[in-house]
Amino acid sequence: MSKSMTVVVNGEKRELTGPATALDLLESLELDPRAIAVELNEKIVRRAFLGEALLSDGDRIELVHFVGGG
């Protein structure tokens, strides 16, 4: 069953339809999971587990983009 939930992404509230995973969030934001580090409620989510990390109402997510240089 779908339900609406509010999460905080990098300090900004976002409405999501759940159930949703961290990978679903990245896809909805059109972000490449290979170039993003995800922290869910102050814990790093390894890339291999993004599809298993279920989001809940009130969760705090921090997304960090990797930037290459040289």
C-alpha atoms as a PDB file:
ATOM      1  CA  MET A   1       0.000   0.000   0.000  1.00  0.00           C
ATOM      2  CA  SER A   2       1.331   3.456  -0.943  1.00  0.00           C
ATOM      3  CA  LYS A   3       1.544   6.190   1.632  1.00  0.00           C
ATOM      4  CA  SER A   4       2.913   9.698   1.696  1.00  0.00           C
ATOM      5  CA  MET A   5       5.925  10.456   3.850  1.00  0.00           C
ATOM      6  CA  THR A   6       8.192  13.398   4.484  1.00  0.00           C
ATOM      7  CA  VAL A   7      11.962  13.006   4.598  1.00  0.00           C
ATOM      8  CA  VAL A   8      14.673  15.631   4.947  1.00  0.00           C
ATOM      9  CA  VAL A   9      17.286  15.557   2.178  1.00  0.00           C
ATOM     10  CA  ASN A  10      20.334  17.777   2.753  1.00  0.00           C
ATOM     11  CA  GLY A  11      18.252  19.935   5.077  1.00  0.00           C
ATOM     12  CA  GLU A  12      15.275  20.264   2.691  1.00  0.00           C
ATOM     13  CA  LYS A  13      11.909  18.573   3.280  1.00  0.00           C
ATOM     14  CA  ARG A  14      10.700  16.318   0.458  1.00  0.00           C
ATOM     15  CA  GLU A  15       7.470  14.411   0.050  1.00  0.00           C
ATOM     16  CA  LEU A  16       7.794  10.809  -1.125  1.00  0.00           C
ATOM     17  CA  THR A  17       5.355   8.047  -1.849  1.00  0.00           C
ATOM     18  CA  GLY A  18       6.311   4.949   0.089  1.00  0.00           C
ATOM     19  CA  PRO A  19       7.413   2.379   0.477  1.00  0.00           C
ATOM     20  CA  ALA A  20      10.654   3.788  -0.934  1.00  0.00           C
ATOM     21  CA  THR A  21      14.332   2.925  -0.646  1.00  0.00           C
ATOM     22  CA  ALA A  22      17.429   5.102  -0.770  1.00  0.00           C
ATOM     23  CA  LEU A  23      17.898   3.920  -4.366  1.00  0.00           C
ATOM     24  CA  ASP A  24      14.331   5.012  -5.230  1.00  0.00           C
ATOM     25  CA  LEU A  25      15.134   8.451  -3.831  1.00  0.00           C
ATOM     26  CA  LEU A  26      18.294   8.760  -5.930  1.00  0.00           C
ATOM     27  CA  GLU A  27      16.391   7.696  -9.046  1.00  0.00           C
ATOM     28  CA  SER A  28      13.612  10.226  -8.363  1.00  0.00           C
ATOM     29  CA  LEU A  29      16.275  12.943  -8.073  1.00  0.00           C
ATOM     30  CA  GLU A  30      17.944  11.669 -11.275  1.00  0.00           C
ATOM     31  CA  LEU A  31      21.231  11.048  -9.465  1.00  0.00           C
ATOM     32  CA  ASP A  32      23.720   8.340 -10.385  1.00  0.00           C
ATOM     33  CA  PRO A  33      24.205   6.076  -7.344  1.00  0.00           C
ATOM     34  CA  ARG A  34      27.789   5.417  -8.450  1.00  0.00           C
ATOM     35  CA  ALA A  35      28.654   9.100  -7.891  1.00  0.00           C
ATOM     36  CA  ILE A  36      26.770   9.711  -4.617  1.00  0.00           C
ATOM     37  CA  ALA A  37      27.491   8.860  -0.991  1.00  0.00           C
ATOM     38  CA  VAL A  38      24.313   8.366   1.060  1.00  0.00           C
ATOM     39  CA  GLU A  39      23.976   8.891   4.790  1.00  0.00           C
ATOM     40  CA  LEU A  40      20.667   7.789   6.325  1.00  0.00           C
ATOM     41  CA  ASN A  41      20.019   8.970   9.880  1.00  0.00           C
ATOM     42  CA  GLU A  42      23.758   9.533  10.436  1.00  0.00           C
ATOM     43  CA  LYS A  43      24.796   6.108   9.102  1.00  0.00           C
ATOM     44  CA  ILE A  44      26.525   5.559   5.766  1.00  0.00           C
ATOM     45  CA  VAL A  45      24.596   3.294   3.386  1.00  0.00           C
ATOM     46  CA  ARG A  46      26.913   1.212   1.238  1.00  0.00           C
ATOM     47  CA  ARG A  47      26.097   1.348  -2.453  1.00  0.00           C
ATOM     48  CA  ALA A  48      25.325  -2.389  -2.548  1.00  0.00           C
ATOM     49  CA  PHE A  49      22.526  -1.857   0.012  1.00  0.00           C
ATOM     50  CA  LEU A  50      20.852   1.276  -1.405  1.00  0.00           C
ATOM     51  CA  GLY A  51      17.997  -0.831  -2.786  1.00  0.00           C
ATOM     52  CA  GLU A  52      17.423  -2.416   0.637  1.00  0.00           C
ATOM     53  CA  ALA A  53      17.609   0.747   2.782  1.00  0.00           C
ATOM     54  CA  LEU A  54      13.929   1.499   3.406  1.00  0.00           C
ATOM     55  CA  LEU A  55      13.017   5.113   4.085  1.00  0.00           C
ATOM     56  CA  SER A  56      10.535   6.092   6.781  1.00  0.00           C
ATOM     57  CA  ASP A  57       8.615   9.243   7.571  1.00  0.00           C
ATOM     58  CA  GLY A  58      10.957  11.740   9.249  1.00  0.00           C
ATOM     59  CA  ASP A  59      14.222  10.170   8.043  1.00  0.00           C
ATOM     60  CA  ARG A  60      17.181  12.503   7.517  1.00  0.00           C
ATOM     61  CA  ILE A  61      19.260  11.828   4.419  1.00  0.00           C
ATOM     62  CA  GLU A  62      22.495  13.502   3.408  1.00  0.00           C
ATOM     63  CA  LEU A  63      23.684  13.122  -0.181  1.00  0.00           C
ATOM     64  CA  VAL A  64      27.253  13.941  -1.173  1.00  0.00           C
ATOM     65  CA  HIS A  65      28.386  14.104  -4.803  1.00  0.00           C
ATOM     66  CA  PHE A  66      31.833  12.792  -5.659  1.00  0.00           C
ATOM     67  CA  VAL A  67      33.793  15.244  -7.762  1.00  0.00           C
ATOM     68  CA  GLY A  68      36.740  14.155  -9.847  1.00  0.00           C
ATOM     69  CA  GLY A  69      39.662  16.423 -10.468  1.00  0.00           C
ATOM     70  CA  GLY A  70      43.136  16.467 -11.655  1.00  0.00           C
END
